[in-house]
Amino acid sequence: MTVSSQADFRLRVERLGQLPTLPFVVERIIAMAERPETSAEDLGRLIEKDQVLAAKVLRLANSPFYGFPARIASVSHAVVVLGLNVVKGLTLGATIFDLMKDAGMDHLWRHSLGVAMTARILAQHAGQRNTEEVFVAGLLHDLGKVVLFAKMPDLARAVADAARARDLSMQEAEQEVLGLTHADIAGWLAESWHLPIVLKEPMMFHHHPALARVAPKQTAIVHVADVLVKAMGCGSSGDDLVPALSPGAWEAVGLRDEMLDACLEQAANEFETIDDFL
């Protein structure tokens, strides 16, 4: 793919910011969440204008994964207990799940949700602040694959064929066929959607966590979670290869080796709740 065609490809991807289900509401939510004066009530009222989207956010907030003692009955309450960026990410997650369903990608949704759950567990054990933002970063980390499969299926098939034919990872096949990867696509769309850097860097650099500059620990956590979930076989990210774990990323996460078994056991238990999200 030439530089010119890469620019054309990026333009096509960035235009996808207008294509997901409920684009007006999602666009407004992203813009509103960026404003420091936005209140939980403001954002909740906007989401609740679309009953389908509000129901999805509430279902996620009330899933067993979060385990709140009392039911969250309003989107505004969900914003209060989860935070602006998390609800924004859940809104995007619900929208992206629609894209995945349309493309028959339930396996990728399970993988993405497994990474989100595992990233949150690792963040908790590592004493990371804003563990829910790490959860959202894990949920969105393979957004580029969703875009490619849902909106450019001809190119997606070429990538999948190359991966199978030569036993390549998806990112290796993408680089060979497209001259770029799903992480590049995710970065472009993160820019288009004005996602915060704590979400954007894990989406862009989860395969190369050393490249993260602003959110290195969040990126390292998502990288480690991605590798662990692939090894545990929760869903599928498009290939069966388990990538090597970056020693630098594991060091950045800051967990003792003996804590890994506890994290894996907790993750395996929480994977059983995935159908409640679906």
C-alpha atoms as a PDB file:
ATOM      1  CA  MET A   1       0.000   0.000   0.000  1.00  0.00           C
ATOM      2  CA  THR A   2       1.529   3.327  -1.046  1.00  0.00           C
ATOM      3  CA  VAL A   3       1.689   6.435   1.122  1.00  0.00           C
ATOM      4  CA  SER A   4      -1.076   7.974  -0.988  1.00  0.00           C
ATOM      5  CA  SER A   5      -3.329   4.955  -0.639  1.00  0.00           C
ATOM      6  CA  GLN A   6      -2.617   4.871   3.112  1.00  0.00           C
ATOM      7  CA  ALA A   7      -3.863   8.466   3.298  1.00  0.00           C
ATOM      8  CA  ASP A   8      -6.996   7.453   1.375  1.00  0.00           C
ATOM      9  CA  PHE A   9      -7.453   4.489   3.672  1.00  0.00           C
ATOM     10  CA  ARG A  10      -7.155   6.719   6.740  1.00  0.00           C
ATOM     11  CA  LEU A  11      -9.741   9.093   5.323  1.00  0.00           C
ATOM     12  CA  ARG A  12     -12.122   6.162   4.815  1.00  0.00           C
ATOM     13  CA  VAL A  13     -11.565   5.066   8.409  1.00  0.00           C
ATOM     14  CA  GLU A  14     -12.045   8.528   9.872  1.00  0.00           C
ATOM     15  CA  ARG A  15     -15.319   8.879   8.010  1.00  0.00           C
ATOM     16  CA  LEU A  16     -16.528   5.842   9.944  1.00  0.00           C
ATOM     17  CA  GLY A  17     -16.953   8.180  12.896  1.00  0.00           C
ATOM     18  CA  GLN A  18     -20.271   9.063  11.276  1.00  0.00           C
ATOM     19  CA  LEU A  19     -21.336   5.486  10.583  1.00  0.00           C
ATOM     20  CA  PRO A  20     -21.919   3.548  13.814  1.00  0.00           C
ATOM     21  CA  THR A  21     -25.429   3.017  15.146  1.00  0.00           C
ATOM     22  CA  LEU A  22     -26.899   6.084  16.845  1.00  0.00           C
ATOM     23  CA  PRO A  23     -24.170   8.405  15.502  1.00  0.00           C
ATOM     24  CA  PHE A  24     -25.721  11.698  16.628  1.00  0.00           C
ATOM     25  CA  VAL A  25     -26.155  10.603  20.239  1.00  0.00           C
ATOM     26  CA  VAL A  26     -22.717   9.016  20.407  1.00  0.00           C
ATOM     27  CA  GLU A  27     -21.069  12.082  18.908  1.00  0.00           C
ATOM     28  CA  ARG A  28     -22.870  14.339  21.383  1.00  0.00           C
ATOM     29  CA  ILE A  29     -21.915  12.100  24.308  1.00  0.00           C
ATOM     30  CA  ILE A  30     -18.233  12.199  23.370  1.00  0.00           C
ATOM     31  CA  ALA A  31     -18.265  15.976  22.968  1.00  0.00           C
ATOM     32  CA  MET A  32     -20.200  16.544  26.198  1.00  0.00           C
ATOM     33  CA  ALA A  33     -17.979  14.238  28.274  1.00  0.00           C
ATOM     34  CA  GLU A  34     -14.948  16.315  27.252  1.00  0.00           C
ATOM     35  CA  ARG A  35     -16.378  19.478  28.824  1.00  0.00           C
ATOM     36  CA  PRO A  36     -15.305  20.033  32.444  1.00  0.00           C
ATOM     37  CA  GLU A  37     -18.643  21.617  33.314  1.00  0.00           C
ATOM     38  CA  THR A  38     -20.649  18.553  32.250  1.00  0.00           C
ATOM     39  CA  SER A  39     -22.584  16.954  35.111  1.00  0.00           C
ATOM     40  CA  ALA A  40     -23.734  13.357  35.506  1.00  0.00           C
ATOM     41  CA  GLU A  41     -27.298  14.573  35.103  1.00  0.00           C
ATOM     42  CA  ASP A  42     -26.459  16.346  31.831  1.00  0.00           C
ATOM     43  CA  LEU A  43     -24.852  13.263  30.326  1.00  0.00           C
ATOM     44  CA  GLY A  44     -27.519  10.935  31.681  1.00  0.00           C
ATOM     45  CA  ARG A  45     -30.322  13.003  30.174  1.00  0.00           C
ATOM     46  CA  LEU A  46     -28.613  12.958  26.786  1.00  0.00           C
ATOM     47  CA  ILE A  47     -28.109   9.177  26.763  1.00  0.00           C
ATOM     48  CA  GLU A  48     -31.655   8.591  27.987  1.00  0.00           C
ATOM     49  CA  LYS A  49     -33.024  10.375  24.918  1.00  0.00           C
ATOM     50  CA  ASP A  50     -32.305   7.145  23.077  1.00  0.00           C
ATOM     51  CA  GLN A  51     -34.106   4.354  24.906  1.00  0.00           C
ATOM     52  CA  VAL A  52     -32.194   1.535  23.221  1.00  0.00           C
ATOM     53  CA  LEU A  53     -28.798   2.999  24.068  1.00  0.00           C
ATOM     54  CA  ALA A  54     -29.853   3.848  27.629  1.00  0.00           C
ATOM     55  CA  ALA A  55     -31.048   0.275  28.165  1.00  0.00           C
ATOM     56  CA  LYS A  56     -27.683  -1.093  26.991  1.00  0.00           C
ATOM     57  CA  VAL A  57     -25.708   1.184  29.322  1.00  0.00           C
ATOM     58  CA  LEU A  58     -27.908   0.262  32.275  1.00  0.00           C
ATOM     59  CA  ARG A  59     -27.622  -3.430  31.481  1.00  0.00           C
ATOM     60  CA  LEU A  60     -23.843  -3.181  31.499  1.00  0.00           C
ATOM     61  CA  ALA A  61     -23.809  -1.119  34.698  1.00  0.00           C
ATOM     62  CA  ASN A  62     -26.098  -3.627  36.436  1.00  0.00           C
ATOM     63  CA  SER A  63     -24.259  -6.730  35.255  1.00  0.00           C
ATOM     64  CA  PRO A  64     -22.822  -9.080  37.904  1.00  0.00           C
ATOM     65  CA  PHE A  65     -19.328  -7.946  36.913  1.00  0.00           C
ATOM     66  CA  TYR A  66     -19.739  -4.628  38.727  1.00  0.00           C
ATOM     67  CA  GLY A  67     -21.630  -6.165  41.640  1.00  0.00           C
ATOM     68  CA  PHE A  68     -23.225  -2.987  42.987  1.00  0.00           C
ATOM     69  CA  PRO A  69     -25.392  -3.796  46.041  1.00  0.00           C
ATOM     70  CA  ALA A  70     -28.379  -1.791  44.770  1.00  0.00           C
ATOM     71  CA  ARG A  71     -29.760  -1.668  41.266  1.00  0.00           C
ATOM     72  CA  ILE A  72     -28.713   1.338  39.172  1.00  0.00           C
ATOM     73  CA  ALA A  73     -32.011   2.623  37.830  1.00  0.00           C
ATOM     74  CA  SER A  74     -30.907   5.692  35.853  1.00  0.00           C
ATOM     75  CA  VAL A  75     -28.102   6.513  33.450  1.00  0.00           C
ATOM     76  CA  SER A  76     -27.273   9.566  35.564  1.00  0.00           C
ATOM     77  CA  HIS A  77     -26.665   7.267  38.542  1.00  0.00           C
ATOM     78  CA  ALA A  78     -24.486   5.075  36.337  1.00  0.00           C
ATOM     79  CA  VAL A  79     -22.406   8.137  35.435  1.00  0.00           C
ATOM     80  CA  VAL A  80     -21.997   9.016  39.128  1.00  0.00           C
ATOM     81  CA  VAL A  81     -20.802   5.560  40.203  1.00  0.00           C
ATOM     82  CA  LEU A  82     -18.760   4.690  37.100  1.00  0.00           C
ATOM     83  CA  GLY A  83     -17.488   8.088  35.932  1.00  0.00           C
ATOM     84  CA  LEU A  84     -17.851  10.099  32.724  1.00  0.00           C
ATOM     85  CA  ASN A  85     -15.137   8.337  30.732  1.00  0.00           C
ATOM     86  CA  VAL A  86     -16.353   4.884  31.707  1.00  0.00           C
ATOM     87  CA  VAL A  87     -19.950   5.568  30.703  1.00  0.00           C
ATOM     88  CA  LYS A  88     -18.686   7.113  27.481  1.00  0.00           C
ATOM     89  CA  GLY A  89     -16.665   3.965  26.872  1.00  0.00           C
ATOM     90  CA  LEU A  90     -19.628   1.722  27.673  1.00  0.00           C
ATOM     91  CA  THR A  91     -21.713   3.755  25.246  1.00  0.00           C
ATOM     92  CA  LEU A  92     -19.089   3.258  22.567  1.00  0.00           C
ATOM     93  CA  GLY A  93     -18.832  -0.398  23.566  1.00  0.00           C
ATOM     94  CA  ALA A  94     -22.572  -0.881  23.110  1.00  0.00           C
ATOM     95  CA  THR A  95     -22.389   0.811  19.723  1.00  0.00           C
ATOM     96  CA  ILE A  96     -19.381  -1.244  18.668  1.00  0.00           C
ATOM     97  CA  PHE A  97     -21.143  -4.424  19.788  1.00  0.00           C
ATOM     98  CA  ASP A  98     -23.869  -3.615  17.258  1.00  0.00           C
ATOM     99  CA  LEU A  99     -21.164  -3.474  14.567  1.00  0.00           C
ATOM    100  CA  MET A 100     -19.766  -6.792  15.785  1.00  0.00           C
ATOM    101  CA  LYS A 101     -23.181  -8.457  15.704  1.00  0.00           C
ATOM    102  CA  ASP A 102     -23.821  -7.185  12.173  1.00  0.00           C
ATOM    103  CA  ALA A 103     -20.488  -8.649  11.076  1.00  0.00           C
ATOM    104  CA  GLY A 104     -20.979 -11.922  12.979  1.00  0.00           C
ATOM    105  CA  MET A 105     -18.111 -11.136  15.366  1.00  0.00           C
ATOM    106  CA  ASP A 106     -19.416 -12.388  18.708  1.00  0.00           C
ATOM    107  CA  HIS A 107     -16.090 -14.196  19.179  1.00  0.00           C
ATOM    108  CA  LEU A 108     -14.228 -10.866  19.069  1.00  0.00           C
ATOM    109  CA  TRP A 109     -16.698  -9.271  21.502  1.00  0.00           C
ATOM    110  CA  ARG A 110     -16.010 -12.112  23.955  1.00  0.00           C
ATOM    111  CA  HIS A 111     -12.266 -11.637  23.551  1.00  0.00           C
ATOM    112  CA  SER A 112     -12.563  -7.855  23.997  1.00  0.00           C
ATOM    113  CA  LEU A 113     -14.729  -8.217  27.079  1.00  0.00           C
ATOM    114  CA  GLY A 114     -12.372 -10.834  28.479  1.00  0.00           C
ATOM    115  CA  VAL A 115      -9.455  -8.425  28.024  1.00  0.00           C
ATOM    116  CA  ALA A 116     -11.461  -5.652  29.687  1.00  0.00           C
ATOM    117  CA  MET A 117     -12.264  -7.854  32.688  1.00  0.00           C
ATOM    118  CA  THR A 118      -8.694  -9.094  33.027  1.00  0.00           C
ATOM    119  CA  ALA A 119      -7.252  -5.597  32.653  1.00  0.00           C
ATOM    120  CA  ARG A 120      -9.487  -4.383  35.472  1.00  0.00           C
ATOM    121  CA  ILE A 121      -8.374  -7.261  37.712  1.00  0.00           C
ATOM    122  CA  LEU A 122      -4.698  -6.584  37.008  1.00  0.00           C
ATOM    123  CA  ALA A 123      -5.214  -2.870  37.641  1.00  0.00           C
ATOM    124  CA  GLN A 124      -6.913  -3.568  40.967  1.00  0.00           C
ATOM    125  CA  HIS A 125      -4.133  -5.877  42.154  1.00  0.00           C
ATOM    126  CA  ALA A 126      -1.520  -3.381  40.975  1.00  0.00           C
ATOM    127  CA  GLY A 127      -3.125  -0.506  42.883  1.00  0.00           C
ATOM    128  CA  GLN A 128      -3.888   1.416  39.695  1.00  0.00           C
ATOM    129  CA  ARG A 129      -6.250   4.357  40.022  1.00  0.00           C
ATOM    130  CA  ASN A 130      -9.257   4.610  37.683  1.00  0.00           C
ATOM    131  CA  THR A 131      -9.520   0.866  37.127  1.00  0.00           C
ATOM    132  CA  GLU A 132     -12.773   1.375  35.218  1.00  0.00           C
ATOM    133  CA  GLU A 133     -10.926   3.404  32.572  1.00  0.00           C
ATOM    134  CA  VAL A 134      -8.525   0.486  32.162  1.00  0.00           C
ATOM    135  CA  PHE A 135     -11.570  -1.754  31.729  1.00  0.00           C
ATOM    136  CA  VAL A 136     -12.842   0.499  28.915  1.00  0.00           C
ATOM    137  CA  ALA A 137      -9.386   0.570  27.290  1.00  0.00           C
ATOM    138  CA  GLY A 138      -9.449  -3.218  27.219  1.00  0.00           C
ATOM    139  CA  LEU A 139     -12.967  -3.225  25.816  1.00  0.00           C
ATOM    140  CA  LEU A 140     -11.968  -0.946  22.933  1.00  0.00           C
ATOM    141  CA  HIS A 141      -8.470  -2.251  22.254  1.00  0.00           C
ATOM    142  CA  ASP A 142      -9.412  -4.170  19.082  1.00  0.00           C
ATOM    143  CA  LEU A 143     -11.700  -1.486  17.676  1.00  0.00           C
ATOM    144  CA  GLY A 144      -9.601  -1.402  14.502  1.00  0.00           C
ATOM    145  CA  LYS A 145     -10.517  -5.021  13.744  1.00  0.00           C
ATOM    146  CA  VAL A 146     -14.196  -4.203  14.134  1.00  0.00           C
ATOM    147  CA  VAL A 147     -13.907  -1.346  11.654  1.00  0.00           C
ATOM    148  CA  LEU A 148     -12.015  -3.491   9.189  1.00  0.00           C
ATOM    149  CA  PHE A 149     -14.352  -6.501   9.358  1.00  0.00           C
ATOM    150  CA  ALA A 150     -17.623  -4.569   9.582  1.00  0.00           C
ATOM    151  CA  LYS A 151     -16.956  -1.864   7.004  1.00  0.00           C
ATOM    152  CA  MET A 152     -14.252  -3.276   4.699  1.00  0.00           C
ATOM    153  CA  PRO A 153     -15.009  -7.014   4.576  1.00  0.00           C
ATOM    154  CA  ASP A 154     -13.088  -7.583   1.347  1.00  0.00           C
ATOM    155  CA  LEU A 155      -9.867  -6.375   2.949  1.00  0.00           C
ATOM    156  CA  ALA A 156     -10.659  -8.227   6.160  1.00  0.00           C
ATOM    157  CA  ARG A 157     -11.025 -11.491   4.233  1.00  0.00           C
ATOM    158  CA  ALA A 158      -7.695 -10.903   2.507  1.00  0.00           C
ATOM    159  CA  VAL A 159      -6.030 -10.387   5.893  1.00  0.00           C
ATOM    160  CA  ALA A 160      -7.671 -13.503   7.375  1.00  0.00           C
ATOM    161  CA  ASP A 161      -6.646 -15.578   4.337  1.00  0.00           C
ATOM    162  CA  ALA A 162      -3.043 -14.408   4.641  1.00  0.00           C
ATOM    163  CA  ALA A 163      -2.973 -15.201   8.364  1.00  0.00           C
ATOM    164  CA  ARG A 164      -4.290 -18.735   7.810  1.00  0.00           C
ATOM    165  CA  ALA A 165      -2.128 -19.471   4.773  1.00  0.00           C
ATOM    166  CA  ARG A 166       1.158 -18.548   6.448  1.00  0.00           C
ATOM    167  CA  ASP A 167       0.309 -19.025  10.133  1.00  0.00           C
ATOM    168  CA  LEU A 168       0.710 -15.320  10.829  1.00  0.00           C
ATOM    169  CA  SER A 169      -0.709 -13.260  13.642  1.00  0.00           C
ATOM    170  CA  MET A 170      -3.460 -10.880  12.603  1.00  0.00           C
ATOM    171  CA  GLN A 171      -1.215  -7.831  12.937  1.00  0.00           C
ATOM    172  CA  GLU A 172       1.483  -9.500  10.845  1.00  0.00           C
ATOM    173  CA  ALA A 173      -1.067 -10.339   8.153  1.00  0.00           C
ATOM    174  CA  GLU A 174      -2.518  -6.818   8.301  1.00  0.00           C
ATOM    175  CA  GLN A 175       0.927  -5.309   7.848  1.00  0.00           C
ATOM    176  CA  GLU A 176       1.571  -7.576   4.877  1.00  0.00           C
ATOM    177  CA  VAL A 177      -1.770  -6.952   3.148  1.00  0.00           C
ATOM    178  CA  LEU A 178      -2.570  -3.373   4.196  1.00  0.00           C
ATOM    179  CA  GLY A 179       0.765  -1.859   5.119  1.00  0.00           C
ATOM    180  CA  LEU A 180      -0.709  -0.963   8.523  1.00  0.00           C
ATOM    181  CA  THR A 181      -2.478  -2.700  11.404  1.00  0.00           C
ATOM    182  CA  HIS A 182      -5.739  -2.647  13.321  1.00  0.00           C
ATOM    183  CA  ALA A 183      -3.892  -0.669  16.017  1.00  0.00           C
ATOM    184  CA  ASP A 184      -3.205   2.109  13.487  1.00  0.00           C
ATOM    185  CA  ILE A 185      -6.867   2.117  12.492  1.00  0.00           C
ATOM    186  CA  ALA A 186      -7.936   2.259  16.138  1.00  0.00           C
ATOM    187  CA  GLY A 187      -5.648   5.230  16.711  1.00  0.00           C
ATOM    188  CA  TRP A 188      -7.149   7.135  13.805  1.00  0.00           C
ATOM    189  CA  LEU A 189     -10.669   6.474  14.984  1.00  0.00           C
ATOM    190  CA  ALA A 190      -9.735   7.397  18.576  1.00  0.00           C
ATOM    191  CA  GLU A 191      -8.573  10.748  17.239  1.00  0.00           C
ATOM    192  CA  SER A 192     -11.733  11.175  15.203  1.00  0.00           C
ATOM    193  CA  TRP A 193     -13.887  10.364  18.234  1.00  0.00           C
ATOM    194  CA  HIS A 194     -11.749  12.554  20.548  1.00  0.00           C
ATOM    195  CA  LEU A 195     -11.123   9.749  23.006  1.00  0.00           C
ATOM    196  CA  PRO A 196      -8.853  10.569  25.967  1.00  0.00           C
ATOM    197  CA  ILE A 197      -5.217   9.559  25.735  1.00  0.00           C
ATOM    198  CA  VAL A 198      -5.659   6.943  28.505  1.00  0.00           C
ATOM    199  CA  LEU A 199      -7.889   5.055  26.059  1.00  0.00           C
ATOM    200  CA  LYS A 200      -6.127   5.993  22.837  1.00  0.00           C
ATOM    201  CA  GLU A 201      -2.621   4.772  23.752  1.00  0.00           C
ATOM    202  CA  PRO A 202      -3.706   1.277  24.863  1.00  0.00           C
ATOM    203  CA  MET A 203      -5.738   0.992  21.644  1.00  0.00           C
ATOM    204  CA  MET A 204      -2.724   2.019  19.541  1.00  0.00           C
ATOM    205  CA  PHE A 205       0.121   0.328  21.416  1.00  0.00           C
ATOM    206  CA  HIS A 206      -1.280  -2.808  23.075  1.00  0.00           C
ATOM    207  CA  HIS A 207       1.037  -4.905  20.869  1.00  0.00           C
ATOM    208  CA  HIS A 208       4.009  -2.567  21.446  1.00  0.00           C
ATOM    209  CA  PRO A 209       3.489  -1.157  24.953  1.00  0.00           C
ATOM    210  CA  ALA A 210       6.945   0.418  25.148  1.00  0.00           C
ATOM    211  CA  LEU A 211       5.734   3.057  22.651  1.00  0.00           C
ATOM    212  CA  ALA A 212       3.196   4.536  25.081  1.00  0.00           C
ATOM    213  CA  ARG A 213       4.290   7.871  26.505  1.00  0.00           C
ATOM    214  CA  VAL A 214       1.346   9.354  28.420  1.00  0.00           C
ATOM    215  CA  ALA A 215      -0.382   6.171  29.612  1.00  0.00           C
ATOM    216  CA  PRO A 216       2.402   3.570  29.820  1.00  0.00           C
ATOM    217  CA  LYS A 217       0.971   1.621  32.752  1.00  0.00           C
ATOM    218  CA  GLN A 218      -2.557   1.456  31.326  1.00  0.00           C
ATOM    219  CA  THR A 219      -1.086   0.312  28.002  1.00  0.00           C
ATOM    220  CA  ALA A 220       1.073  -2.294  29.719  1.00  0.00           C
ATOM    221  CA  ILE A 221      -1.945  -3.632  31.617  1.00  0.00           C
ATOM    222  CA  VAL A 222      -4.001  -3.995  28.425  1.00  0.00           C
ATOM    223  CA  HIS A 223      -1.049  -5.700  26.699  1.00  0.00           C
ATOM    224  CA  VAL A 224      -0.656  -8.219  29.526  1.00  0.00           C
ATOM    225  CA  ALA A 225      -4.421  -8.799  29.677  1.00  0.00           C
ATOM    226  CA  ASP A 226      -4.571  -9.370  25.918  1.00  0.00           C
ATOM    227  CA  VAL A 227      -1.843 -12.012  26.066  1.00  0.00           C
ATOM    228  CA  LEU A 228      -3.385 -13.758  29.078  1.00  0.00           C
ATOM    229  CA  VAL A 229      -6.874 -13.851  27.572  1.00  0.00           C
ATOM    230  CA  LYS A 230      -5.556 -15.316  24.334  1.00  0.00           C
ATOM    231  CA  ALA A 231      -3.727 -17.970  26.349  1.00  0.00           C
ATOM    232  CA  MET A 232      -6.920 -18.729  28.322  1.00  0.00           C
ATOM    233  CA  GLY A 233      -8.967 -19.092  25.132  1.00  0.00           C
ATOM    234  CA  CYS A 234     -11.736 -16.623  25.952  1.00  0.00           C
ATOM    235  CA  GLY A 235     -13.285 -15.685  22.614  1.00  0.00           C
ATOM    236  CA  SER A 236     -11.012 -15.103  19.647  1.00  0.00           C
ATOM    237  CA  SER A 237      -9.166 -12.091  18.291  1.00  0.00           C
ATOM    238  CA  GLY A 238      -8.875 -13.634  14.825  1.00  0.00           C
ATOM    239  CA  ASP A 239      -5.945 -16.042  15.169  1.00  0.00           C
ATOM    240  CA  ASP A 240      -4.918 -18.797  17.560  1.00  0.00           C
ATOM    241  CA  LEU A 241      -1.383 -17.551  18.181  1.00  0.00           C
ATOM    242  CA  VAL A 242      -0.477 -16.403  21.683  1.00  0.00           C
ATOM    243  CA  PRO A 243       1.954 -13.479  21.395  1.00  0.00           C
ATOM    244  CA  ALA A 244       5.012 -13.186  23.598  1.00  0.00           C
ATOM    245  CA  LEU A 245       4.518 -11.251  26.805  1.00  0.00           C
ATOM    246  CA  SER A 246       6.629  -8.108  26.950  1.00  0.00           C
ATOM    247  CA  PRO A 247       8.910  -8.346  30.012  1.00  0.00           C
ATOM    248  CA  GLY A 248       8.933  -4.559  30.175  1.00  0.00           C
ATOM    249  CA  ALA A 249       5.148  -4.433  30.236  1.00  0.00           C
ATOM    250  CA  TRP A 250       4.942  -7.022  33.020  1.00  0.00           C
ATOM    251  CA  GLU A 251       7.492  -5.012  34.991  1.00  0.00           C
ATOM    252  CA  ALA A 252       5.478  -1.827  34.377  1.00  0.00           C
ATOM    253  CA  VAL A 253       2.314  -3.472  35.691  1.00  0.00           C
ATOM    254  CA  GLY A 254       4.233  -4.015  38.916  1.00  0.00           C
ATOM    255  CA  LEU A 255       2.751  -7.307  40.104  1.00  0.00           C
ATOM    256  CA  ARG A 256       4.719 -10.025  41.832  1.00  0.00           C
ATOM    257  CA  ASP A 257       4.866 -13.270  39.867  1.00  0.00           C
ATOM    258  CA  GLU A 258       3.047 -15.169  42.607  1.00  0.00           C
ATOM    259  CA  MET A 259       0.032 -12.849  42.238  1.00  0.00           C
ATOM    260  CA  LEU A 260      -0.541 -13.995  38.654  1.00  0.00           C
ATOM    261  CA  ASP A 261      -2.314 -17.214  39.645  1.00  0.00           C
ATOM    262  CA  ALA A 262      -4.799 -15.257  41.767  1.00  0.00           C
ATOM    263  CA  CYS A 263      -5.478 -12.871  38.896  1.00  0.00           C
ATOM    264  CA  LEU A 264      -6.014 -15.744  36.461  1.00  0.00           C
ATOM    265  CA  GLU A 265      -8.393 -17.538  38.831  1.00  0.00           C
ATOM    266  CA  GLN A 266     -10.436 -14.362  39.336  1.00  0.00           C
ATOM    267  CA  ALA A 267     -10.501 -13.718  35.579  1.00  0.00           C
ATOM    268  CA  ALA A 268     -11.694 -17.271  34.856  1.00  0.00           C
ATOM    269  CA  ASN A 269     -14.543 -16.804  37.335  1.00  0.00           C
ATOM    270  CA  GLU A 270     -15.554 -13.469  35.834  1.00  0.00           C
ATOM    271  CA  PHE A 271     -15.510 -14.869  32.299  1.00  0.00           C
ATOM    272  CA  GLU A 272     -18.569 -16.864  33.375  1.00  0.00           C
ATOM    273  CA  THR A 273     -20.535 -13.576  33.543  1.00  0.00           C
ATOM    274  CA  ILE A 274     -19.792 -12.591  29.936  1.00  0.00           C
ATOM    275  CA  ASP A 275     -23.190 -13.756  28.718  1.00  0.00           C
ATOM    276  CA  ASP A 276     -24.783 -11.258  31.112  1.00  0.00           C
ATOM    277  CA  PHE A 277     -23.048  -8.472  29.192  1.00  0.00           C
ATOM    278  CA  LEU A 278     -24.192  -9.921  25.885  1.00  0.00           C
END
